[in-house]
């Protein structure tokens, strides 16, 4: 199983964040802010789902997953904490997180359900975040010129998402989760995730007063639908999730490991001396 290091990022998010912190690009700033607004409640759900899935394993299988599950929970907990700090800063610009209340209402419907449902939802979301992470790490120049602590935040998060993308998927399979439910939840998560992200991005732009600027829509078209855009570049690896025999490890690259190695001075290992 994968060894997942829990890292504490050496940046200070108690200090204010510029309004258009992503190189003055209103769309990219609003998009990143929208994603961050989903993370505290989302990461907590992922933690709970993986923890519940681990507890549902037969005792003889738990040892196989124990260290990886602990690493997964530790990484997601650090993401939850640091994005809560980031969200508190961007909300000082007059933004309002409408995503989180909707997410809490939907997730409440799953309470007491088979733990494989939570794992299937988590695995689908982790696939999405892994696709975003790969795109982000391969287009890191988008953050050139940004305040260094914010560039570090997003590339560190991307690197760790790529690192732990298999955990929920493997637990789901270990519990006998079916292909049919796995792809059903991916279809549902696709609609919910993209719909909520775009809705919150538009909400952010509206409150920022930049929704109807030509530069905003030009940036959206370029970075989402252009030749190197996120949605266009991610379509094939997203579609691969529906194939029988798919596993997240089939979509791997050295970018995550390279970033973590090259930027080791920006974090410390939690629990290290």
C-alpha atoms as a PDB file:
ATOM      1  CA  UNK A   1       0.000   0.000   0.000  1.00  0.00           C
ATOM      2  CA  UNK A   2       1.064   3.610  -0.502  1.00  0.00           C
ATOM      3  CA  UNK A   3       2.980   5.462   2.208  1.00  0.00           C
ATOM      4  CA  UNK A   4       1.276   8.833   2.651  1.00  0.00           C
ATOM      5  CA  UNK A   5       3.307  11.459   4.462  1.00  0.00           C
ATOM      6  CA  UNK A   6       1.334  14.052   6.429  1.00  0.00           C
ATOM      7  CA  UNK A   7       2.873  17.463   5.823  1.00  0.00           C
ATOM      8  CA  UNK A   8       2.417  20.848   7.436  1.00  0.00           C
ATOM      9  CA  UNK A   9       2.764  23.661   4.932  1.00  0.00           C
ATOM     10  CA  UNK A  10       5.025  26.502   6.033  1.00  0.00           C
ATOM     11  CA  UNK A  11       2.870  29.411   4.922  1.00  0.00           C
ATOM     12  CA  UNK A  12       0.927  32.021   6.860  1.00  0.00           C
ATOM     13  CA  UNK A  13      -2.722  32.366   5.867  1.00  0.00           C
ATOM     14  CA  UNK A  14      -3.591  34.596   8.787  1.00  0.00           C
ATOM     15  CA  UNK A  15      -2.509  37.509   6.590  1.00  0.00           C
ATOM     16  CA  UNK A  16      -4.889  39.079   4.018  1.00  0.00           C
ATOM     17  CA  UNK A  17      -5.177  37.692   0.492  1.00  0.00           C
ATOM     18  CA  UNK A  18      -5.403  40.104  -2.491  1.00  0.00           C
ATOM     19  CA  UNK A  19      -8.841  40.329  -4.146  1.00  0.00           C
ATOM     20  CA  UNK A  20      -7.651  39.095  -7.559  1.00  0.00           C
ATOM     21  CA  UNK A  21      -4.778  37.060  -6.190  1.00  0.00           C
ATOM     22  CA  UNK A  22      -4.349  34.862  -9.289  1.00  0.00           C
ATOM     23  CA  UNK A  23      -2.298  37.289 -11.391  1.00  0.00           C
ATOM     24  CA  UNK A  24      -5.179  39.750 -11.538  1.00  0.00           C
ATOM     25  CA  UNK A  25      -7.345  37.243 -13.445  1.00  0.00           C
ATOM     26  CA  UNK A  26     -10.891  37.567 -12.098  1.00  0.00           C
ATOM     27  CA  UNK A  27     -12.111  34.254 -13.531  1.00  0.00           C
ATOM     28  CA  UNK A  28      -9.230  32.106 -12.313  1.00  0.00           C
ATOM     29  CA  UNK A  29      -9.392  33.731  -8.903  1.00  0.00           C
ATOM     30  CA  UNK A  30     -13.145  33.065  -8.671  1.00  0.00           C
ATOM     31  CA  UNK A  31     -12.708  29.470  -9.892  1.00  0.00           C
ATOM     32  CA  UNK A  32      -9.990  28.636  -7.382  1.00  0.00           C
ATOM     33  CA  UNK A  33     -11.948  30.365  -4.620  1.00  0.00           C
ATOM     34  CA  UNK A  34     -15.040  28.312  -5.492  1.00  0.00           C
ATOM     35  CA  UNK A  35     -13.093  25.064  -5.305  1.00  0.00           C
ATOM     36  CA  UNK A  36     -11.615  26.061  -1.967  1.00  0.00           C
ATOM     37  CA  UNK A  37     -15.063  26.838  -0.578  1.00  0.00           C
ATOM     38  CA  UNK A  38     -16.042  23.186  -1.094  1.00  0.00           C
ATOM     39  CA  UNK A  39     -12.992  21.713   0.589  1.00  0.00           C
ATOM     40  CA  UNK A  40     -13.661  21.954   4.347  1.00  0.00           C
ATOM     41  CA  UNK A  41     -16.994  20.097   4.218  1.00  0.00           C
ATOM     42  CA  UNK A  42     -15.853  17.863   1.370  1.00  0.00           C
ATOM     43  CA  UNK A  43     -12.593  16.835   2.989  1.00  0.00           C
ATOM     44  CA  UNK A  44     -14.431  16.019   6.224  1.00  0.00           C
ATOM     45  CA  UNK A  45     -16.839  13.790   4.306  1.00  0.00           C
ATOM     46  CA  UNK A  46     -13.914  12.009   2.642  1.00  0.00           C
ATOM     47  CA  UNK A  47     -12.269  11.472   6.024  1.00  0.00           C
ATOM     48  CA  UNK A  48     -15.472  10.074   7.517  1.00  0.00           C
ATOM     49  CA  UNK A  49     -16.101   7.826   4.510  1.00  0.00           C
ATOM     50  CA  UNK A  50     -12.615   6.339   4.536  1.00  0.00           C
ATOM     51  CA  UNK A  51     -12.674   5.900   8.312  1.00  0.00           C
ATOM     52  CA  UNK A  52     -16.078   4.163   8.148  1.00  0.00           C
ATOM     53  CA  UNK A  53     -14.954   1.997   5.255  1.00  0.00           C
ATOM     54  CA  UNK A  54     -11.850   0.949   7.153  1.00  0.00           C
ATOM     55  CA  UNK A  55     -13.917   0.002  10.203  1.00  0.00           C
ATOM     56  CA  UNK A  56     -16.218  -2.096   7.997  1.00  0.00           C
ATOM     57  CA  UNK A  57     -13.320  -4.222   6.756  1.00  0.00           C
ATOM     58  CA  UNK A  58     -12.836  -7.686   8.233  1.00  0.00           C
ATOM     59  CA  UNK A  59     -10.217  -7.519  10.966  1.00  0.00           C
ATOM     60  CA  UNK A  60      -7.756  -9.575   8.952  1.00  0.00           C
ATOM     61  CA  UNK A  61      -7.803  -6.968   6.131  1.00  0.00           C
ATOM     62  CA  UNK A  62      -7.489  -3.878   8.286  1.00  0.00           C
ATOM     63  CA  UNK A  63      -3.735  -4.181   8.802  1.00  0.00           C
ATOM     64  CA  UNK A  64      -3.220  -3.946   5.042  1.00  0.00           C
ATOM     65  CA  UNK A  65      -4.846  -0.515   4.956  1.00  0.00           C
ATOM     66  CA  UNK A  66      -4.069   0.890   8.399  1.00  0.00           C
ATOM     67  CA  UNK A  67      -1.046   3.095   7.606  1.00  0.00           C
ATOM     68  CA  UNK A  68      -2.457   4.321   4.305  1.00  0.00           C
ATOM     69  CA  UNK A  69      -5.780   5.238   5.894  1.00  0.00           C
ATOM     70  CA  UNK A  70      -3.997   7.129   8.658  1.00  0.00           C
ATOM     71  CA  UNK A  71      -1.958   8.996   6.048  1.00  0.00           C
ATOM     72  CA  UNK A  72      -5.046   9.760   3.967  1.00  0.00           C
ATOM     73  CA  UNK A  73      -6.924  11.133   6.981  1.00  0.00           C
ATOM     74  CA  UNK A  74      -3.916  13.209   8.019  1.00  0.00           C
ATOM     75  CA  UNK A  75      -3.457  14.720   4.578  1.00  0.00           C
ATOM     76  CA  UNK A  76      -7.139  15.529   4.160  1.00  0.00           C
ATOM     77  CA  UNK A  77      -7.301  17.044   7.638  1.00  0.00           C
ATOM     78  CA  UNK A  78      -4.436  19.411   6.788  1.00  0.00           C
ATOM     79  CA  UNK A  79      -6.198  20.360   3.522  1.00  0.00           C
ATOM     80  CA  UNK A  80      -9.425  21.039   5.428  1.00  0.00           C
ATOM     81  CA  UNK A  81      -7.680  23.259   7.958  1.00  0.00           C
ATOM     82  CA  UNK A  82      -5.599  25.332   5.557  1.00  0.00           C
ATOM     83  CA  UNK A  83      -8.445  25.912   3.112  1.00  0.00           C
ATOM     84  CA  UNK A  84     -10.669  27.049   5.980  1.00  0.00           C
ATOM     85  CA  UNK A  85      -8.027  29.700   6.689  1.00  0.00           C
ATOM     86  CA  UNK A  86      -7.861  30.631   3.003  1.00  0.00           C
ATOM     87  CA  UNK A  87     -11.659  30.807   2.762  1.00  0.00           C
ATOM     88  CA  UNK A  88     -11.827  33.131   5.752  1.00  0.00           C
ATOM     89  CA  UNK A  89      -9.524  35.527   3.923  1.00  0.00           C
ATOM     90  CA  UNK A  90     -11.308  35.539   0.547  1.00  0.00           C
ATOM     91  CA  UNK A  91     -14.711  35.919   2.222  1.00  0.00           C
ATOM     92  CA  UNK A  92     -13.486  39.257   3.574  1.00  0.00           C
ATOM     93  CA  UNK A  93     -13.818  40.452  -0.026  1.00  0.00           C
ATOM     94  CA  UNK A  94     -17.593  40.111   0.209  1.00  0.00           C
ATOM     95  CA  UNK A  95     -17.837  36.581  -1.185  1.00  0.00           C
ATOM     96  CA  UNK A  96     -20.409  34.171   0.224  1.00  0.00           C
ATOM     97  CA  UNK A  97     -20.039  30.402   0.366  1.00  0.00           C
ATOM     98  CA  UNK A  98     -23.368  29.083  -0.936  1.00  0.00           C
ATOM     99  CA  UNK A  99     -21.873  25.698  -1.843  1.00  0.00           C
ATOM    100  CA  UNK A 100     -21.244  24.425   1.671  1.00  0.00           C
ATOM    101  CA  UNK A 101     -24.860  24.585   2.970  1.00  0.00           C
ATOM    102  CA  UNK A 102     -26.123  22.706  -0.109  1.00  0.00           C
ATOM    103  CA  UNK A 103     -23.416  20.093   0.305  1.00  0.00           C
ATOM    104  CA  UNK A 104     -24.247  19.583   3.986  1.00  0.00           C
ATOM    105  CA  UNK A 105     -27.928  19.019   3.149  1.00  0.00           C
ATOM    106  CA  UNK A 106     -27.118  16.416   0.491  1.00  0.00           C
ATOM    107  CA  UNK A 107     -24.558  14.613   2.623  1.00  0.00           C
ATOM    108  CA  UNK A 108     -26.997  14.398   5.527  1.00  0.00           C
ATOM    109  CA  UNK A 109     -29.128  12.111   3.353  1.00  0.00           C
ATOM    110  CA  UNK A 110     -26.324   9.523   3.389  1.00  0.00           C
ATOM    111  CA  UNK A 111     -26.104   9.208   7.152  1.00  0.00           C
ATOM    112  CA  UNK A 112     -26.462   5.578   8.205  1.00  0.00           C
ATOM    113  CA  UNK A 113     -26.124   4.251   4.654  1.00  0.00           C
ATOM    114  CA  UNK A 114     -23.890   1.405   3.481  1.00  0.00           C
ATOM    115  CA  UNK A 115     -20.280   2.680   3.859  1.00  0.00           C
ATOM    116  CA  UNK A 116     -19.601   1.672   0.264  1.00  0.00           C
ATOM    117  CA  UNK A 117     -21.783   4.553  -0.916  1.00  0.00           C
ATOM    118  CA  UNK A 118     -19.595   7.073   0.899  1.00  0.00           C
ATOM    119  CA  UNK A 119     -16.490   5.407  -0.486  1.00  0.00           C
ATOM    120  CA  UNK A 120     -17.865   5.412  -4.048  1.00  0.00           C
ATOM    121  CA  UNK A 121     -18.669   9.116  -3.754  1.00  0.00           C
ATOM    122  CA  UNK A 122     -15.252   9.800  -2.277  1.00  0.00           C
ATOM    123  CA  UNK A 123     -13.482   7.785  -4.978  1.00  0.00           C
ATOM    124  CA  UNK A 124     -15.350   9.713  -7.684  1.00  0.00           C
ATOM    125  CA  UNK A 125     -14.480  13.061  -6.134  1.00  0.00           C
ATOM    126  CA  UNK A 126     -10.874  11.984  -5.639  1.00  0.00           C
ATOM    127  CA  UNK A 127     -10.727  11.116  -9.344  1.00  0.00           C
ATOM    128  CA  UNK A 128     -11.925  14.623 -10.165  1.00  0.00           C
ATOM    129  CA  UNK A 129      -9.433  16.266  -7.843  1.00  0.00           C
ATOM    130  CA  UNK A 130      -6.637  14.059  -9.176  1.00  0.00           C
ATOM    131  CA  UNK A 131      -7.469  15.188 -12.735  1.00  0.00           C
ATOM    132  CA  UNK A 132      -7.476  18.794 -11.609  1.00  0.00           C
ATOM    133  CA  UNK A 133      -4.203  18.215  -9.729  1.00  0.00           C
ATOM    134  CA  UNK A 134      -2.482  16.747 -12.783  1.00  0.00           C
ATOM    135  CA  UNK A 135      -3.653  19.657 -14.922  1.00  0.00           C
ATOM    136  CA  UNK A 136      -2.561  22.151 -12.286  1.00  0.00           C
ATOM    137  CA  UNK A 137       0.898  20.626 -11.869  1.00  0.00           C
ATOM    138  CA  UNK A 138       1.397  20.524 -15.651  1.00  0.00           C
ATOM    139  CA  UNK A 139       0.237  24.145 -15.976  1.00  0.00           C
ATOM    140  CA  UNK A 140       1.951  25.527 -12.887  1.00  0.00           C
ATOM    141  CA  UNK A 141       2.977  28.603 -14.881  1.00  0.00           C
ATOM    142  CA  UNK A 142      -0.603  29.850 -14.408  1.00  0.00           C
ATOM    143  CA  UNK A 143       0.439  30.703 -10.880  1.00  0.00           C
ATOM    144  CA  UNK A 144       3.716  32.388 -11.822  1.00  0.00           C
ATOM    145  CA  UNK A 145       3.620  35.912 -10.488  1.00  0.00           C
ATOM    146  CA  UNK A 146       1.046  35.077  -7.822  1.00  0.00           C
ATOM    147  CA  UNK A 147       1.855  35.684  -4.203  1.00  0.00           C
ATOM    148  CA  UNK A 148       4.285  32.823  -3.369  1.00  0.00           C
ATOM    149  CA  UNK A 149       2.288  31.451  -0.431  1.00  0.00           C
ATOM    150  CA  UNK A 150      -0.817  31.006  -2.625  1.00  0.00           C
ATOM    151  CA  UNK A 151       1.119  29.357  -5.428  1.00  0.00           C
ATOM    152  CA  UNK A 152       2.588  27.018  -2.832  1.00  0.00           C
ATOM    153  CA  UNK A 153      -0.867  26.284  -1.380  1.00  0.00           C
ATOM    154  CA  UNK A 154      -2.398  25.162  -4.662  1.00  0.00           C
ATOM    155  CA  UNK A 155       0.561  23.170  -5.966  1.00  0.00           C
ATOM    156  CA  UNK A 156       1.083  21.420  -2.608  1.00  0.00           C
ATOM    157  CA  UNK A 157      -2.613  20.482  -2.488  1.00  0.00           C
ATOM    158  CA  UNK A 158      -2.445  19.246  -6.070  1.00  0.00           C
ATOM    159  CA  UNK A 159       0.619  17.113  -5.342  1.00  0.00           C
ATOM    160  CA  UNK A 160      -1.030  15.440  -2.355  1.00  0.00           C
ATOM    161  CA  UNK A 161      -4.288  14.827  -4.218  1.00  0.00           C
ATOM    162  CA  UNK A 162      -2.368  12.915  -6.867  1.00  0.00           C
ATOM    163  CA  UNK A 163      -0.560  11.035  -4.104  1.00  0.00           C
ATOM    164  CA  UNK A 164      -3.624   9.647  -2.268  1.00  0.00           C
ATOM    165  CA  UNK A 165      -6.072   9.191  -5.137  1.00  0.00           C
ATOM    166  CA  UNK A 166      -6.224   5.382  -4.773  1.00  0.00           C
ATOM    167  CA  UNK A 167      -7.165   5.045  -1.097  1.00  0.00           C
ATOM    168  CA  UNK A 168     -10.983   5.330  -1.218  1.00  0.00           C
ATOM    169  CA  UNK A 169     -11.103   3.363  -4.482  1.00  0.00           C
ATOM    170  CA  UNK A 170      -9.119   0.472  -3.005  1.00  0.00           C
ATOM    171  CA  UNK A 171     -11.251   0.383   0.139  1.00  0.00           C
ATOM    172  CA  UNK A 172     -14.403   0.337  -1.981  1.00  0.00           C
ATOM    173  CA  UNK A 173     -13.105  -2.649  -3.907  1.00  0.00           C
ATOM    174  CA  UNK A 174     -11.926  -4.426  -0.739  1.00  0.00           C
ATOM    175  CA  UNK A 175     -15.495  -4.159   0.591  1.00  0.00           C
ATOM    176  CA  UNK A 176     -16.884  -5.728  -2.569  1.00  0.00           C
ATOM    177  CA  UNK A 177     -18.191  -2.538  -4.124  1.00  0.00           C
ATOM    178  CA  UNK A 178     -19.640  -3.129  -7.571  1.00  0.00           C
ATOM    179  CA  UNK A 179     -18.665  -1.626 -10.919  1.00  0.00           C
ATOM    180  CA  UNK A 180     -22.287  -0.584 -11.466  1.00  0.00           C
ATOM    181  CA  UNK A 181     -22.482   1.533  -8.309  1.00  0.00           C
ATOM    182  CA  UNK A 182     -19.003   2.944  -8.872  1.00  0.00           C
ATOM    183  CA  UNK A 183     -19.906   4.366 -12.275  1.00  0.00           C
ATOM    184  CA  UNK A 184     -23.395   5.411 -11.152  1.00  0.00           C
ATOM    185  CA  UNK A 185     -21.901   7.559  -8.429  1.00  0.00           C
ATOM    186  CA  UNK A 186     -19.359   9.003 -10.858  1.00  0.00           C
ATOM    187  CA  UNK A 187     -22.181  10.143 -13.148  1.00  0.00           C
ATOM    188  CA  UNK A 188     -23.970  11.769 -10.215  1.00  0.00           C
ATOM    189  CA  UNK A 189     -20.805  13.329  -8.820  1.00  0.00           C
ATOM    190  CA  UNK A 190     -19.901  14.709 -12.264  1.00  0.00           C
ATOM    191  CA  UNK A 191     -23.163  16.609 -12.522  1.00  0.00           C
ATOM    192  CA  UNK A 192     -23.098  17.792  -8.917  1.00  0.00           C
ATOM    193  CA  UNK A 193     -19.413  18.723  -8.817  1.00  0.00           C
ATOM    194  CA  UNK A 194     -19.318  20.640 -12.090  1.00  0.00           C
ATOM    195  CA  UNK A 195     -22.694  22.260 -11.443  1.00  0.00           C
ATOM    196  CA  UNK A 196     -21.750  23.421  -7.970  1.00  0.00           C
ATOM    197  CA  UNK A 197     -18.304  24.620  -9.029  1.00  0.00           C
ATOM    198  CA  UNK A 198     -19.656  26.696 -11.896  1.00  0.00           C
ATOM    199  CA  UNK A 199     -22.518  28.025  -9.775  1.00  0.00           C
ATOM    200  CA  UNK A 200     -20.187  29.135  -6.983  1.00  0.00           C
ATOM    201  CA  UNK A 201     -17.729  30.612  -9.488  1.00  0.00           C
ATOM    202  CA  UNK A 202     -20.512  32.689 -11.065  1.00  0.00           C
ATOM    203  CA  UNK A 203     -21.666  33.701  -7.576  1.00  0.00           C
ATOM    204  CA  UNK A 204     -18.132  34.844  -6.730  1.00  0.00           C
ATOM    205  CA  UNK A 205     -17.831  36.820  -9.953  1.00  0.00           C
ATOM    206  CA  UNK A 206     -21.233  38.433  -9.433  1.00  0.00           C
ATOM    207  CA  UNK A 207     -20.308  39.591  -5.944  1.00  0.00           C
ATOM    208  CA  UNK A 208     -16.935  40.738  -7.230  1.00  0.00           C
ATOM    209  CA  UNK A 209     -18.580  42.831  -9.962  1.00  0.00           C
ATOM    210  CA  UNK A 210     -16.622  41.090 -12.745  1.00  0.00           C
ATOM    211  CA  UNK A 211     -19.140  38.529 -14.040  1.00  0.00           C
ATOM    212  CA  UNK A 212     -20.018  40.399 -17.237  1.00  0.00           C
ATOM    213  CA  UNK A 213     -16.576  41.618 -18.218  1.00  0.00           C
ATOM    214  CA  UNK A 214     -15.268  40.387 -21.563  1.00  0.00           C
ATOM    215  CA  UNK A 215     -11.923  39.523 -19.961  1.00  0.00           C
ATOM    216  CA  UNK A 216     -13.677  37.205 -17.523  1.00  0.00           C
ATOM    217  CA  UNK A 217     -15.402  35.189 -20.235  1.00  0.00           C
ATOM    218  CA  UNK A 218     -12.279  35.122 -22.396  1.00  0.00           C
ATOM    219  CA  UNK A 219     -10.289  33.681 -19.498  1.00  0.00           C
ATOM    220  CA  UNK A 220     -13.022  31.117 -18.781  1.00  0.00           C
ATOM    221  CA  UNK A 221     -13.089  29.941 -22.401  1.00  0.00           C
ATOM    222  CA  UNK A 222      -9.313  29.709 -22.590  1.00  0.00           C
ATOM    223  CA  UNK A 223      -8.655  27.951 -19.299  1.00  0.00           C
ATOM    224  CA  UNK A 224     -11.642  25.600 -19.353  1.00  0.00           C
ATOM    225  CA  UNK A 225     -12.297  24.840 -23.037  1.00  0.00           C
ATOM    226  CA  UNK A 226      -9.129  25.884 -24.881  1.00  0.00           C
ATOM    227  CA  UNK A 227      -6.615  23.440 -26.329  1.00  0.00           C
ATOM    228  CA  UNK A 228      -4.844  23.239 -22.963  1.00  0.00           C
ATOM    229  CA  UNK A 229      -7.996  23.918 -20.923  1.00  0.00           C
ATOM    230  CA  UNK A 230      -8.922  21.908 -17.859  1.00  0.00           C
ATOM    231  CA  UNK A 231     -12.143  20.364 -19.174  1.00  0.00           C
ATOM    232  CA  UNK A 232     -10.734  19.566 -22.593  1.00  0.00           C
ATOM    233  CA  UNK A 233      -7.535  18.031 -21.239  1.00  0.00           C
ATOM    234  CA  UNK A 234      -9.366  16.045 -18.560  1.00  0.00           C
ATOM    235  CA  UNK A 235     -12.123  14.501 -20.667  1.00  0.00           C
ATOM    236  CA  UNK A 236     -10.310  11.309 -21.687  1.00  0.00           C
ATOM    237  CA  UNK A 237      -8.936  10.448 -18.234  1.00  0.00           C
ATOM    238  CA  UNK A 238     -12.370  11.251 -16.764  1.00  0.00           C
ATOM    239  CA  UNK A 239     -14.052   8.896 -19.247  1.00  0.00           C
ATOM    240  CA  UNK A 240     -11.577   6.125 -18.423  1.00  0.00           C
ATOM    241  CA  UNK A 241     -13.167   5.841 -14.961  1.00  0.00           C
ATOM    242  CA  UNK A 242     -16.191   4.142 -16.550  1.00  0.00           C
ATOM    243  CA  UNK A 243     -14.182   1.278 -18.046  1.00  0.00           C
ATOM    244  CA  UNK A 244     -14.295  -2.141 -16.485  1.00  0.00           C
ATOM    245  CA  UNK A 245     -10.996  -2.844 -14.771  1.00  0.00           C
ATOM    246  CA  UNK A 246     -10.129   0.815 -14.287  1.00  0.00           C
ATOM    247  CA  UNK A 247      -7.843   1.729 -11.399  1.00  0.00           C
ATOM    248  CA  UNK A 248      -6.595   5.253 -10.516  1.00  0.00           C
ATOM    249  CA  UNK A 249      -2.987   4.031 -10.505  1.00  0.00           C
ATOM    250  CA  UNK A 250      -3.296   3.538 -14.274  1.00  0.00           C
ATOM    251  CA  UNK A 251      -3.219   7.334 -14.604  1.00  0.00           C
ATOM    252  CA  UNK A 252       0.046   8.369 -13.063  1.00  0.00           C
ATOM    253  CA  UNK A 253       2.833  10.802 -13.797  1.00  0.00           C
ATOM    254  CA  UNK A 254       5.975  11.949 -11.986  1.00  0.00           C
ATOM    255  CA  UNK A 255       4.726  15.520 -11.472  1.00  0.00           C
ATOM    256  CA  UNK A 256       3.437  15.072  -7.925  1.00  0.00           C
ATOM    257  CA  UNK A 257       6.564  13.367  -6.659  1.00  0.00           C
ATOM    258  CA  UNK A 258       8.780  15.870  -8.471  1.00  0.00           C
ATOM    259  CA  UNK A 259       7.048  18.861  -6.913  1.00  0.00           C
ATOM    260  CA  UNK A 260       7.189  17.386  -3.416  1.00  0.00           C
ATOM    261  CA  UNK A 261      10.889  16.588  -3.785  1.00  0.00           C
ATOM    262  CA  UNK A 262      11.821  19.941  -5.293  1.00  0.00           C
ATOM    263  CA  UNK A 263       9.879  21.936  -2.704  1.00  0.00           C
ATOM    264  CA  UNK A 264      10.686  20.001   0.463  1.00  0.00           C
ATOM    265  CA  UNK A 265      11.765  23.238   2.169  1.00  0.00           C
ATOM    266  CA  UNK A 266       8.162  24.492   2.040  1.00  0.00           C
ATOM    267  CA  UNK A 267       6.739  21.892   4.437  1.00  0.00           C
ATOM    268  CA  UNK A 268       7.629  19.754   7.409  1.00  0.00           C
ATOM    269  CA  UNK A 269       6.546  16.213   8.147  1.00  0.00           C
ATOM    270  CA  UNK A 270       3.926  16.112  10.878  1.00  0.00           C
ATOM    271  CA  UNK A 271       5.248  14.195  13.848  1.00  0.00           C
ATOM    272  CA  UNK A 272       8.892  14.638  12.874  1.00  0.00           C
ATOM    273  CA  UNK A 273      11.412  15.890  15.386  1.00  0.00           C
END
